């Protein structure tokens, strides 16, 4: 069995959004596909309680504005992540408080705790407070690019679409953010 046809799924998502204007039930599949990764991203940024609100509000706004979505754009993911990132920015202070608490305690309240991640979590736990401090020290734009790439698992082009900036700016912000985080971790962070 070959790899999934991601490009086909992206086109399918765009068609689902377009169809949902006439048949609102079609939007349920868009939610099913994108809510879990969007929730993980929002939870990493703001914690679980606020992530629930961010995801709900993201899909509420997306549903309300779905008639303006241009299916020719293809990818739905950057559109949803743009909405979520704008909502997260409203919670900037909450994000900083969470990162500062992680800096003090070293306990990340968002880690999912699956058995296959235990080894990764144990080794990462020693770095968590320093990482949180490094993330809190980044400029908002640099932090957005870094976290959309690392936690949101978006491509450079998708990040550019989400933040409405050129891909070159994504690359320079990501390089600057990685350099600062690497320095804060004593040169131990990998790319």
N, C-alpha and C. Protein backbone atom coordinates (compact mmCIF):
# COMPACT_ATOMS: atom_id res chain seq x y z
N UNK A 1 0.85 -1.18 0.00
CA UNK A 1 0.00 0.00 0.00
C UNK A 1 0.89 1.23 0.00
N UNK A 2 0.67 2.16 -0.90
CA UNK A 2 1.50 3.35 -1.04
C UNK A 2 1.13 4.42 -0.04
N UNK A 3 1.88 5.52 -0.07
CA UNK A 3 1.60 6.63 0.85
C UNK A 3 0.26 7.28 0.51
N UNK A 4 -0.37 7.91 1.49
CA UNK A 4 -1.65 8.55 1.23
C UNK A 4 -1.48 9.70 0.25
N UNK A 5 -2.52 9.94 -0.51
CA UNK A 5 -2.51 11.03 -1.49
C UNK A 5 -2.86 12.33 -0.78
N UNK A 6 -1.83 12.97 -0.19
CA UNK A 6 -2.07 14.19 0.58
C UNK A 6 -2.59 15.32 -0.29
N UNK A 7 -2.07 15.43 -1.50
CA UNK A 7 -2.54 16.48 -2.38
C UNK A 7 -4.01 16.27 -2.70
N UNK A 8 -4.39 15.01 -2.90
CA UNK A 8 -5.80 14.70 -3.14
C UNK A 8 -6.66 15.06 -1.95
N UNK A 9 -6.16 14.80 -0.75
CA UNK A 9 -6.91 15.14 0.46
C UNK A 9 -7.05 16.65 0.61
N UNK A 10 -5.99 17.39 0.26
CA UNK A 10 -6.06 18.85 0.33
C UNK A 10 -7.13 19.39 -0.62
N UNK A 11 -7.16 18.84 -1.86
CA UNK A 11 -8.19 19.26 -2.81
C UNK A 11 -9.56 18.87 -2.28
N UNK A 12 -9.64 17.68 -1.71
CA UNK A 12 -10.89 17.20 -1.15
C UNK A 12 -11.36 18.13 -0.03
N UNK A 13 -10.46 18.57 0.84
CA UNK A 13 -10.81 19.51 1.91
C UNK A 13 -11.39 20.80 1.34
N UNK A 14 -10.73 21.33 0.32
CA UNK A 14 -11.21 22.57 -0.30
C UNK A 14 -12.60 22.37 -0.91
N UNK A 15 -12.82 21.22 -1.52
CA UNK A 15 -14.14 20.92 -2.09
C UNK A 15 -15.18 20.75 -0.99
N UNK A 16 -14.78 20.14 0.11
CA UNK A 16 -15.71 19.99 1.23
C UNK A 16 -16.15 21.35 1.77
N UNK A 17 -15.19 22.26 1.89
CA UNK A 17 -15.55 23.61 2.37
C UNK A 17 -16.51 24.26 1.39
N UNK A 18 -16.21 24.15 0.10
CA UNK A 18 -17.08 24.74 -0.92
C UNK A 18 -18.47 24.10 -0.88
N UNK A 19 -18.53 22.78 -0.77
CA UNK A 19 -19.82 22.09 -0.71
C UNK A 19 -20.60 22.43 0.55
N UNK A 20 -19.88 22.73 1.61
CA UNK A 20 -20.55 23.00 2.89
C UNK A 20 -21.40 24.26 2.86
N UNK A 21 -21.18 25.12 1.87
CA UNK A 21 -22.01 26.32 1.74
C UNK A 21 -23.45 25.90 1.47
N UNK A 22 -23.62 24.89 0.62
CA UNK A 22 -24.96 24.38 0.30
C UNK A 22 -25.40 23.27 1.26
N UNK A 23 -24.42 22.46 1.70
CA UNK A 23 -24.71 21.33 2.58
C UNK A 23 -23.80 21.45 3.81
N UNK A 24 -24.25 22.15 4.85
CA UNK A 24 -23.40 22.39 6.03
C UNK A 24 -22.81 21.13 6.67
N UNK A 25 -23.45 19.98 6.49
CA UNK A 25 -22.94 18.74 7.07
C UNK A 25 -21.57 18.36 6.50
N UNK A 26 -21.22 18.84 5.31
CA UNK A 26 -19.91 18.54 4.71
C UNK A 26 -18.77 19.11 5.55
N UNK A 27 -19.05 20.15 6.29
CA UNK A 27 -18.00 20.79 7.09
C UNK A 27 -17.56 19.89 8.25
N UNK A 28 -18.40 18.95 8.62
CA UNK A 28 -18.06 18.03 9.71
C UNK A 28 -16.79 17.25 9.39
N UNK A 29 -16.60 16.86 8.14
CA UNK A 29 -15.41 16.10 7.75
C UNK A 29 -14.16 16.98 7.84
N UNK A 30 -14.28 18.24 7.51
CA UNK A 30 -13.15 19.17 7.66
C UNK A 30 -12.77 19.25 9.13
N UNK A 31 -13.77 19.36 9.99
CA UNK A 31 -13.51 19.39 11.43
C UNK A 31 -12.83 18.10 11.88
N UNK A 32 -13.37 16.95 11.45
CA UNK A 32 -12.82 15.66 11.87
C UNK A 32 -11.35 15.52 11.49
N UNK A 33 -10.99 15.99 10.31
CA UNK A 33 -9.62 15.86 9.83
C UNK A 33 -8.65 16.82 10.52
N UNK A 34 -9.10 18.02 10.80
CA UNK A 34 -8.16 19.06 11.22
C UNK A 34 -8.24 19.45 12.69
N UNK A 35 -9.31 19.12 13.37
CA UNK A 35 -9.42 19.52 14.78
C UNK A 35 -8.36 18.88 15.67
N UNK A 36 -8.07 17.58 15.55
CA UNK A 36 -7.06 17.00 16.46
C UNK A 36 -5.67 17.63 16.33
N UNK A 37 -5.10 17.78 15.11
CA UNK A 37 -3.77 18.42 15.06
C UNK A 37 -3.81 19.89 15.46
N UNK A 38 -4.92 20.57 15.15
CA UNK A 38 -5.04 21.96 15.55
C UNK A 38 -5.11 22.07 17.08
N UNK A 39 -5.80 21.15 17.70
CA UNK A 39 -5.89 21.15 19.16
C UNK A 39 -4.52 20.90 19.79
N UNK A 40 -3.77 19.95 19.24
CA UNK A 40 -2.42 19.69 19.77
C UNK A 40 -1.56 20.94 19.69
N UNK A 41 -1.63 21.62 18.55
CA UNK A 41 -0.86 22.84 18.37
C UNK A 41 -1.28 23.91 19.38
N UNK A 42 -2.57 24.15 19.51
CA UNK A 42 -3.06 25.17 20.44
C UNK A 42 -2.75 24.79 21.88
N UNK A 43 -2.84 23.51 22.21
CA UNK A 43 -2.55 23.07 23.58
C UNK A 43 -1.08 23.28 23.92
N UNK A 44 -0.20 23.03 22.97
CA UNK A 44 1.23 23.27 23.21
C UNK A 44 1.49 24.75 23.45
N UNK A 45 0.72 25.61 22.83
CA UNK A 45 0.93 27.04 22.97
C UNK A 45 0.26 27.61 24.21
N UNK A 46 -0.94 27.11 24.55
CA UNK A 46 -1.72 27.77 25.60
C UNK A 46 -2.20 26.86 26.73
N UNK A 47 -2.05 25.57 26.59
CA UNK A 47 -2.60 24.64 27.57
C UNK A 47 -3.93 24.10 27.09
N UNK A 48 -4.34 22.99 27.68
CA UNK A 48 -5.53 22.27 27.22
C UNK A 48 -6.83 23.03 27.32
N UNK A 49 -7.04 23.74 28.41
CA UNK A 49 -8.32 24.44 28.58
C UNK A 49 -8.53 25.50 27.50
N UNK A 50 -7.53 26.32 27.29
CA UNK A 50 -7.65 27.35 26.26
C UNK A 50 -7.64 26.75 24.86
N UNK A 51 -6.95 25.63 24.68
CA UNK A 51 -6.93 24.98 23.36
C UNK A 51 -8.34 24.56 22.95
N UNK A 52 -9.11 24.05 23.89
CA UNK A 52 -10.50 23.68 23.58
C UNK A 52 -11.25 24.89 23.03
N UNK A 53 -11.08 26.03 23.70
CA UNK A 53 -11.75 27.25 23.27
C UNK A 53 -11.24 27.71 21.90
N UNK A 54 -9.92 27.65 21.70
CA UNK A 54 -9.33 28.09 20.43
C UNK A 54 -9.85 27.25 19.28
N UNK A 55 -9.87 25.94 19.45
CA UNK A 55 -10.35 25.06 18.39
C UNK A 55 -11.82 25.31 18.11
N UNK A 56 -12.61 25.42 19.15
CA UNK A 56 -14.04 25.69 18.96
C UNK A 56 -14.26 27.01 18.23
N UNK A 57 -13.56 28.04 18.67
CA UNK A 57 -13.74 29.34 18.03
C UNK A 57 -13.18 29.35 16.61
N UNK A 58 -12.08 28.65 16.37
CA UNK A 58 -11.52 28.55 15.02
C UNK A 58 -12.53 27.95 14.06
N UNK A 59 -13.11 26.83 14.44
CA UNK A 59 -14.06 26.18 13.54
C UNK A 59 -15.37 26.94 13.45
N UNK A 60 -15.74 27.62 14.51
CA UNK A 60 -16.94 28.46 14.44
C UNK A 60 -16.72 29.59 13.42
N UNK A 61 -15.57 30.27 13.52
CA UNK A 61 -15.28 31.34 12.56
C UNK A 61 -15.12 30.81 11.14
N UNK A 62 -14.45 29.67 11.01
CA UNK A 62 -14.28 29.08 9.68
C UNK A 62 -15.63 28.72 9.07
N UNK A 63 -16.49 28.16 9.89
CA UNK A 63 -17.83 27.79 9.39
C UNK A 63 -18.61 29.02 8.96
N UNK A 64 -18.55 30.07 9.78
CA UNK A 64 -19.28 31.31 9.46
C UNK A 64 -18.76 31.97 8.19
N UNK A 65 -17.45 31.84 7.91
CA UNK A 65 -16.85 32.53 6.77
C UNK A 65 -16.54 31.59 5.60
N UNK A 66 -17.03 30.37 5.65
CA UNK A 66 -16.68 29.37 4.64
C UNK A 66 -17.08 29.77 3.23
N UNK A 67 -18.10 30.59 3.08
CA UNK A 67 -18.52 31.02 1.74
C UNK A 67 -17.46 31.89 1.08
N UNK A 68 -16.61 32.53 1.88
CA UNK A 68 -15.55 33.38 1.33
C UNK A 68 -14.28 32.61 1.03
N UNK A 69 -14.21 31.35 1.44
CA UNK A 69 -13.02 30.55 1.18
C UNK A 69 -12.96 30.23 -0.31
N UNK A 70 -11.82 30.44 -0.92
CA UNK A 70 -11.63 30.17 -2.35
C UNK A 70 -11.06 28.76 -2.51
N UNK A 71 -11.84 27.82 -3.04
CA UNK A 71 -11.35 26.45 -3.18
C UNK A 71 -10.14 26.34 -4.11
N UNK A 72 -9.91 27.33 -4.93
CA UNK A 72 -8.74 27.32 -5.81
C UNK A 72 -7.44 27.40 -4.99
N UNK A 73 -7.52 27.90 -3.77
CA UNK A 73 -6.34 27.95 -2.90
C UNK A 73 -5.85 26.56 -2.55
N UNK A 74 -6.75 25.59 -2.59
CA UNK A 74 -6.36 24.21 -2.35
C UNK A 74 -6.32 23.84 -0.89
N UNK A 75 -5.30 24.25 -0.21
CA UNK A 75 -5.11 23.82 1.17
C UNK A 75 -6.01 24.55 2.15
N UNK A 76 -6.68 23.77 2.97
CA UNK A 76 -7.54 24.31 4.02
C UNK A 76 -6.74 24.54 5.29
N UNK A 77 -5.71 23.73 5.49
CA UNK A 77 -4.94 23.77 6.73
C UNK A 77 -4.38 25.16 7.04
N UNK A 78 -3.69 25.84 6.11
CA UNK A 78 -3.19 27.18 6.45
C UNK A 78 -4.30 28.17 6.80
N UNK A 79 -5.44 28.04 6.16
CA UNK A 79 -6.59 28.91 6.45
C UNK A 79 -7.03 28.70 7.91
N UNK A 80 -7.16 27.45 8.33
CA UNK A 80 -7.56 27.16 9.70
C UNK A 80 -6.50 27.60 10.71
N UNK A 81 -5.23 27.32 10.39
CA UNK A 81 -4.14 27.68 11.31
C UNK A 81 -4.00 29.21 11.40
N UNK A 82 -4.31 29.92 10.33
CA UNK A 82 -4.27 31.39 10.39
C UNK A 82 -5.32 31.89 11.38
N UNK A 83 -6.52 31.36 11.29
CA UNK A 83 -7.58 31.75 12.22
C UNK A 83 -7.13 31.43 13.65
N UNK A 84 -6.62 30.22 13.86
CA UNK A 84 -6.20 29.81 15.21
C UNK A 84 -5.05 30.67 15.73
N UNK A 85 -4.08 30.95 14.87
CA UNK A 85 -2.93 31.76 15.30
C UNK A 85 -3.38 33.16 15.69
N UNK A 86 -4.30 33.72 14.95
CA UNK A 86 -4.82 35.04 15.32
C UNK A 86 -5.55 34.99 16.66
N UNK A 87 -6.28 33.92 16.90
CA UNK A 87 -6.95 33.77 18.19
C UNK A 87 -5.93 33.55 19.32
N UNK A 88 -4.89 32.78 19.04
CA UNK A 88 -3.84 32.54 20.04
C UNK A 88 -3.14 33.85 20.40
N UNK A 89 -2.95 34.69 19.43
CA UNK A 89 -2.29 35.98 19.70
C UNK A 89 -3.07 36.80 20.71
N UNK A 90 -4.37 36.62 20.74
CA UNK A 90 -5.19 37.32 21.74
C UNK A 90 -4.87 36.81 23.15
N UNK A 91 -4.32 35.61 23.20
CA UNK A 91 -4.00 34.99 24.49
C UNK A 91 -2.50 35.02 24.75
N UNK A 92 -1.82 35.97 24.19
CA UNK A 92 -0.37 36.07 24.30
C UNK A 92 0.10 36.00 25.75
N UNK A 93 -0.56 36.69 26.64
CA UNK A 93 -0.16 36.69 28.05
C UNK A 93 -0.32 35.31 28.67
N UNK A 94 -1.36 34.59 28.29
CA UNK A 94 -1.55 33.23 28.80
C UNK A 94 -0.42 32.32 28.34
N UNK A 95 -0.02 32.48 27.09
CA UNK A 95 1.08 31.68 26.56
C UNK A 95 2.36 31.97 27.34
N UNK A 96 2.64 33.25 27.58
CA UNK A 96 3.84 33.61 28.34
C UNK A 96 3.79 33.06 29.76
N UNK A 97 2.62 33.14 30.41
CA UNK A 97 2.48 32.60 31.76
C UNK A 97 2.76 31.10 31.77
N UNK A 98 2.24 30.38 30.76
CA UNK A 98 2.45 28.94 30.70
C UNK A 98 3.94 28.63 30.49
N UNK A 99 4.59 29.36 29.60
CA UNK A 99 6.01 29.13 29.36
C UNK A 99 6.84 29.46 30.60
N UNK A 100 6.47 30.53 31.30
CA UNK A 100 7.22 30.89 32.51
C UNK A 100 6.99 29.87 33.63
N UNK A 101 5.77 29.32 33.73
CA UNK A 101 5.51 28.28 34.72
C UNK A 101 6.33 27.03 34.41
N UNK A 102 6.42 26.70 33.14
CA UNK A 102 7.24 25.57 32.73
C UNK A 102 8.71 25.83 33.04
N UNK A 103 9.13 27.08 32.88
CA UNK A 103 10.51 27.44 33.21
C UNK A 103 10.78 27.18 34.69
N UNK A 104 9.83 27.58 35.55
CA UNK A 104 10.01 27.41 37.00
C UNK A 104 9.92 25.96 37.44
N UNK A 105 8.93 25.23 36.93
CA UNK A 105 8.64 23.89 37.45
C UNK A 105 9.28 22.76 36.67
N UNK A 106 9.49 22.98 35.39
CA UNK A 106 10.02 21.91 34.55
C UNK A 106 8.97 20.89 34.18
N UNK A 107 7.70 21.12 34.52
CA UNK A 107 6.63 20.19 34.23
C UNK A 107 5.79 20.76 33.11
N UNK A 108 5.73 20.01 32.01
CA UNK A 108 4.91 20.42 30.87
C UNK A 108 3.55 19.77 31.02
N UNK A 109 2.50 20.57 31.30
CA UNK A 109 1.18 20.00 31.55
C UNK A 109 0.50 19.47 30.31
N UNK A 110 1.08 19.65 29.15
CA UNK A 110 0.41 19.32 27.90
C UNK A 110 0.88 18.01 27.29
N UNK A 111 2.02 17.50 27.72
CA UNK A 111 2.54 16.27 27.11
C UNK A 111 1.50 15.17 27.19
N UNK A 112 1.38 14.41 26.10
CA UNK A 112 0.29 13.45 26.02
C UNK A 112 0.54 12.15 26.75
N UNK A 113 1.77 11.83 27.13
CA UNK A 113 2.05 10.68 27.97
C UNK A 113 1.92 9.32 27.32
N UNK A 114 1.85 9.20 26.01
CA UNK A 114 1.79 7.89 25.36
C UNK A 114 3.07 7.12 25.62
N UNK A 115 2.96 5.83 25.72
CA UNK A 115 4.10 4.98 26.06
C UNK A 115 5.25 5.13 25.08
N UNK A 116 4.94 5.31 23.81
CA UNK A 116 6.02 5.42 22.83
C UNK A 116 6.75 6.75 22.89
N UNK A 117 6.26 7.67 23.71
CA UNK A 117 6.93 8.96 23.85
C UNK A 117 7.64 9.10 25.19
N UNK A 118 7.58 8.10 26.03
CA UNK A 118 8.13 8.19 27.38
C UNK A 118 9.62 8.51 27.35
N UNK A 119 10.38 7.78 26.55
CA UNK A 119 11.83 8.01 26.50
C UNK A 119 12.14 9.43 26.03
N UNK A 120 11.41 9.88 25.04
CA UNK A 120 11.61 11.25 24.54
C UNK A 120 11.28 12.28 25.62
N UNK A 121 10.22 12.02 26.36
CA UNK A 121 9.81 12.95 27.40
C UNK A 121 10.81 13.00 28.54
N UNK A 122 11.35 11.85 28.91
CA UNK A 122 12.31 11.81 30.01
C UNK A 122 13.55 12.62 29.65
N UNK A 123 14.06 12.43 28.44
CA UNK A 123 15.25 13.18 28.04
C UNK A 123 14.94 14.66 27.83
N UNK A 124 13.73 14.94 27.38
CA UNK A 124 13.36 16.34 27.16
C UNK A 124 13.04 17.07 28.46
N UNK A 125 12.64 16.33 29.48
CA UNK A 125 12.24 16.96 30.75
C UNK A 125 13.35 17.82 31.33
N UNK A 126 14.58 17.37 31.18
CA UNK A 126 15.70 18.14 31.72
C UNK A 126 15.86 19.46 31.00
N UNK A 127 15.47 19.52 29.74
CA UNK A 127 15.60 20.75 28.95
C UNK A 127 14.36 21.63 29.00
N UNK A 128 13.21 21.11 29.45
CA UNK A 128 11.94 21.83 29.39
C UNK A 128 11.97 23.22 29.99
N UNK A 129 12.49 23.41 31.20
CA UNK A 129 12.49 24.76 31.75
C UNK A 129 13.32 25.74 30.90
N UNK A 130 14.47 25.30 30.45
CA UNK A 130 15.32 26.17 29.63
C UNK A 130 14.67 26.44 28.28
N UNK A 131 14.03 25.43 27.71
CA UNK A 131 13.34 25.61 26.44
C UNK A 131 12.19 26.60 26.60
N UNK A 132 11.41 26.45 27.65
CA UNK A 132 10.29 27.35 27.89
C UNK A 132 10.78 28.79 28.05
N UNK A 133 11.87 28.97 28.78
CA UNK A 133 12.43 30.32 28.95
C UNK A 133 12.89 30.87 27.61
N UNK A 134 13.51 30.04 26.81
CA UNK A 134 13.98 30.49 25.48
C UNK A 134 12.80 30.87 24.60
N UNK A 135 11.73 30.09 24.63
CA UNK A 135 10.55 30.40 23.83
C UNK A 135 9.89 31.69 24.31
N UNK A 136 9.82 31.87 25.61
CA UNK A 136 9.21 33.08 26.16
C UNK A 136 10.02 34.32 25.79
N UNK A 137 11.32 34.16 25.61
CA UNK A 137 12.18 35.30 25.30
C UNK A 137 12.13 35.70 23.82
N UNK A 138 11.59 34.84 22.96
CA UNK A 138 11.52 35.15 21.54
C UNK A 138 10.50 36.24 21.25
N UNK A 139 10.74 36.99 20.18
CA UNK A 139 9.73 37.94 19.72
C UNK A 139 8.52 37.15 19.23
N UNK A 140 7.34 37.77 19.31
CA UNK A 140 6.10 37.07 18.94
C UNK A 140 6.17 36.49 17.53
N UNK A 141 6.64 37.26 16.57
CA UNK A 141 6.70 36.78 15.20
C UNK A 141 7.63 35.60 15.04
N UNK A 142 8.76 35.64 15.72
CA UNK A 142 9.71 34.54 15.66
C UNK A 142 9.13 33.29 16.33
N UNK A 143 8.47 33.49 17.48
CA UNK A 143 7.88 32.36 18.19
C UNK A 143 6.76 31.74 17.35
N UNK A 144 5.93 32.56 16.72
CA UNK A 144 4.86 32.03 15.88
C UNK A 144 5.42 31.14 14.78
N UNK A 145 6.45 31.62 14.09
CA UNK A 145 7.05 30.84 13.00
C UNK A 145 7.63 29.54 13.52
N UNK A 146 8.38 29.60 14.60
CA UNK A 146 9.00 28.41 15.16
C UNK A 146 7.95 27.38 15.59
N UNK A 147 6.93 27.84 16.29
CA UNK A 147 5.93 26.90 16.82
C UNK A 147 4.98 26.39 15.76
N UNK A 148 4.68 27.20 14.76
CA UNK A 148 3.87 26.69 13.65
C UNK A 148 4.63 25.61 12.89
N UNK A 149 5.94 25.77 12.80
CA UNK A 149 6.77 24.77 12.12
C UNK A 149 6.94 23.53 12.98
N UNK A 150 7.32 23.72 14.24
CA UNK A 150 7.64 22.58 15.10
C UNK A 150 6.40 21.89 15.66
N UNK A 151 5.50 22.64 16.26
CA UNK A 151 4.34 22.05 16.90
C UNK A 151 3.15 21.95 15.95
N UNK A 152 3.02 22.92 15.04
CA UNK A 152 1.91 22.89 14.09
C UNK A 152 2.19 22.01 12.89
N UNK A 153 3.47 21.61 12.73
CA UNK A 153 3.91 20.73 11.65
C UNK A 153 3.52 21.27 10.27
N UNK A 154 3.67 22.58 10.09
CA UNK A 154 3.37 23.21 8.81
C UNK A 154 4.64 23.41 8.01
N UNK A 155 4.51 23.41 6.71
CA UNK A 155 5.64 23.70 5.82
C UNK A 155 5.92 25.20 5.85
N UNK A 156 7.06 25.58 5.29
CA UNK A 156 7.40 27.01 5.23
C UNK A 156 6.31 27.78 4.47
N UNK A 157 5.87 27.22 3.35
CA UNK A 157 4.83 27.90 2.57
C UNK A 157 3.53 28.02 3.36
N UNK A 158 3.17 26.97 4.09
CA UNK A 158 1.95 27.03 4.90
C UNK A 158 2.08 28.07 6.01
N UNK A 159 3.25 28.15 6.64
CA UNK A 159 3.47 29.17 7.68
C UNK A 159 3.37 30.56 7.06
N UNK A 160 3.94 30.73 5.88
CA UNK A 160 3.85 32.02 5.19
C UNK A 160 2.39 32.37 4.92
N UNK A 161 1.60 31.39 4.50
CA UNK A 161 0.18 31.62 4.25
C UNK A 161 -0.56 31.97 5.54
N UNK A 162 -0.25 31.26 6.62
CA UNK A 162 -0.91 31.50 7.91
C UNK A 162 -0.64 32.92 8.39
N UNK A 163 0.63 33.33 8.33
CA UNK A 163 1.02 34.63 8.88
C UNK A 163 0.97 35.76 7.87
N UNK A 164 0.67 35.41 6.61
CA UNK A 164 0.60 36.40 5.53
C UNK A 164 1.91 37.17 5.38
N UNK A 165 3.00 36.39 5.33
CA UNK A 165 4.34 36.95 5.14
C UNK A 165 5.04 36.15 4.04
N UNK A 166 6.08 36.70 3.44
CA UNK A 166 6.81 35.95 2.41
C UNK A 166 7.55 34.74 3.00
N UNK A 167 7.77 33.73 2.17
CA UNK A 167 8.49 32.53 2.61
C UNK A 167 9.89 32.90 3.09
N UNK A 168 10.53 33.88 2.45
CA UNK A 168 11.86 34.32 2.88
C UNK A 168 11.85 34.84 4.31
N UNK A 169 10.79 35.52 4.68
CA UNK A 169 10.65 36.02 6.05
C UNK A 169 10.47 34.86 7.02
N UNK A 170 9.72 33.85 6.60
CA UNK A 170 9.56 32.64 7.43
C UNK A 170 10.93 32.03 7.68
N UNK A 171 11.71 31.88 6.62
CA UNK A 171 13.03 31.26 6.75
C UNK A 171 13.95 32.07 7.67
N UNK A 172 13.95 33.39 7.52
CA UNK A 172 14.84 34.21 8.35
C UNK A 172 14.38 34.21 9.81
N UNK A 173 13.06 34.30 10.04
CA UNK A 173 12.56 34.25 11.42
C UNK A 173 12.83 32.90 12.06
N UNK A 174 12.65 31.84 11.29
CA UNK A 174 12.89 30.50 11.82
C UNK A 174 14.37 30.32 12.15
N UNK A 175 15.24 30.80 11.29
CA UNK A 175 16.67 30.70 11.54
C UNK A 175 17.04 31.48 12.80
N UNK A 176 16.51 32.70 12.92
CA UNK A 176 16.80 33.53 14.10
C UNK A 176 16.28 32.86 15.36
N UNK A 177 15.05 32.33 15.32
CA UNK A 177 14.46 31.68 16.49
C UNK A 177 15.25 30.43 16.88
N UNK A 178 15.60 29.61 15.90
CA UNK A 178 16.37 28.40 16.20
C UNK A 178 17.73 28.74 16.80
N UNK A 179 18.36 29.79 16.27
CA UNK A 179 19.66 30.20 16.80
C UNK A 179 19.54 30.63 18.25
N UNK A 180 18.52 31.44 18.56
CA UNK A 180 18.34 31.91 19.93
C UNK A 180 18.01 30.76 20.88
N UNK A 181 17.17 29.85 20.43
CA UNK A 181 16.82 28.71 21.28
C UNK A 181 18.04 27.82 21.48
N UNK A 182 18.79 27.57 20.42
CA UNK A 182 20.00 26.75 20.51
C UNK A 182 20.98 27.37 21.49
N UNK A 183 21.17 28.69 21.41
CA UNK A 183 22.09 29.37 22.33
C UNK A 183 21.59 29.27 23.77
N UNK A 184 20.28 29.43 23.96
CA UNK A 184 19.73 29.35 25.31
C UNK A 184 19.88 27.94 25.91
N UNK A 185 19.92 26.95 25.04
CA UNK A 185 20.08 25.57 25.50
C UNK A 185 21.53 25.13 25.51
N UNK A 186 22.43 26.09 25.36
CA UNK A 186 23.85 25.77 25.39
C UNK A 186 24.33 25.07 24.15
N UNK A 187 23.68 25.32 23.03
CA UNK A 187 24.11 24.72 21.77
C UNK A 187 23.70 23.27 21.61
N UNK A 188 22.74 22.78 22.44
CA UNK A 188 22.34 21.37 22.38
C UNK A 188 21.10 21.12 21.56
N UNK A 189 20.37 22.16 21.18
CA UNK A 189 19.11 21.94 20.45
C UNK A 189 19.42 21.58 19.00
N UNK A 190 18.70 20.55 18.52
CA UNK A 190 18.88 20.23 17.12
C UNK A 190 17.92 21.07 16.28
N UNK A 191 18.17 21.12 15.00
CA UNK A 191 17.33 21.94 14.12
C UNK A 191 15.91 21.43 14.09
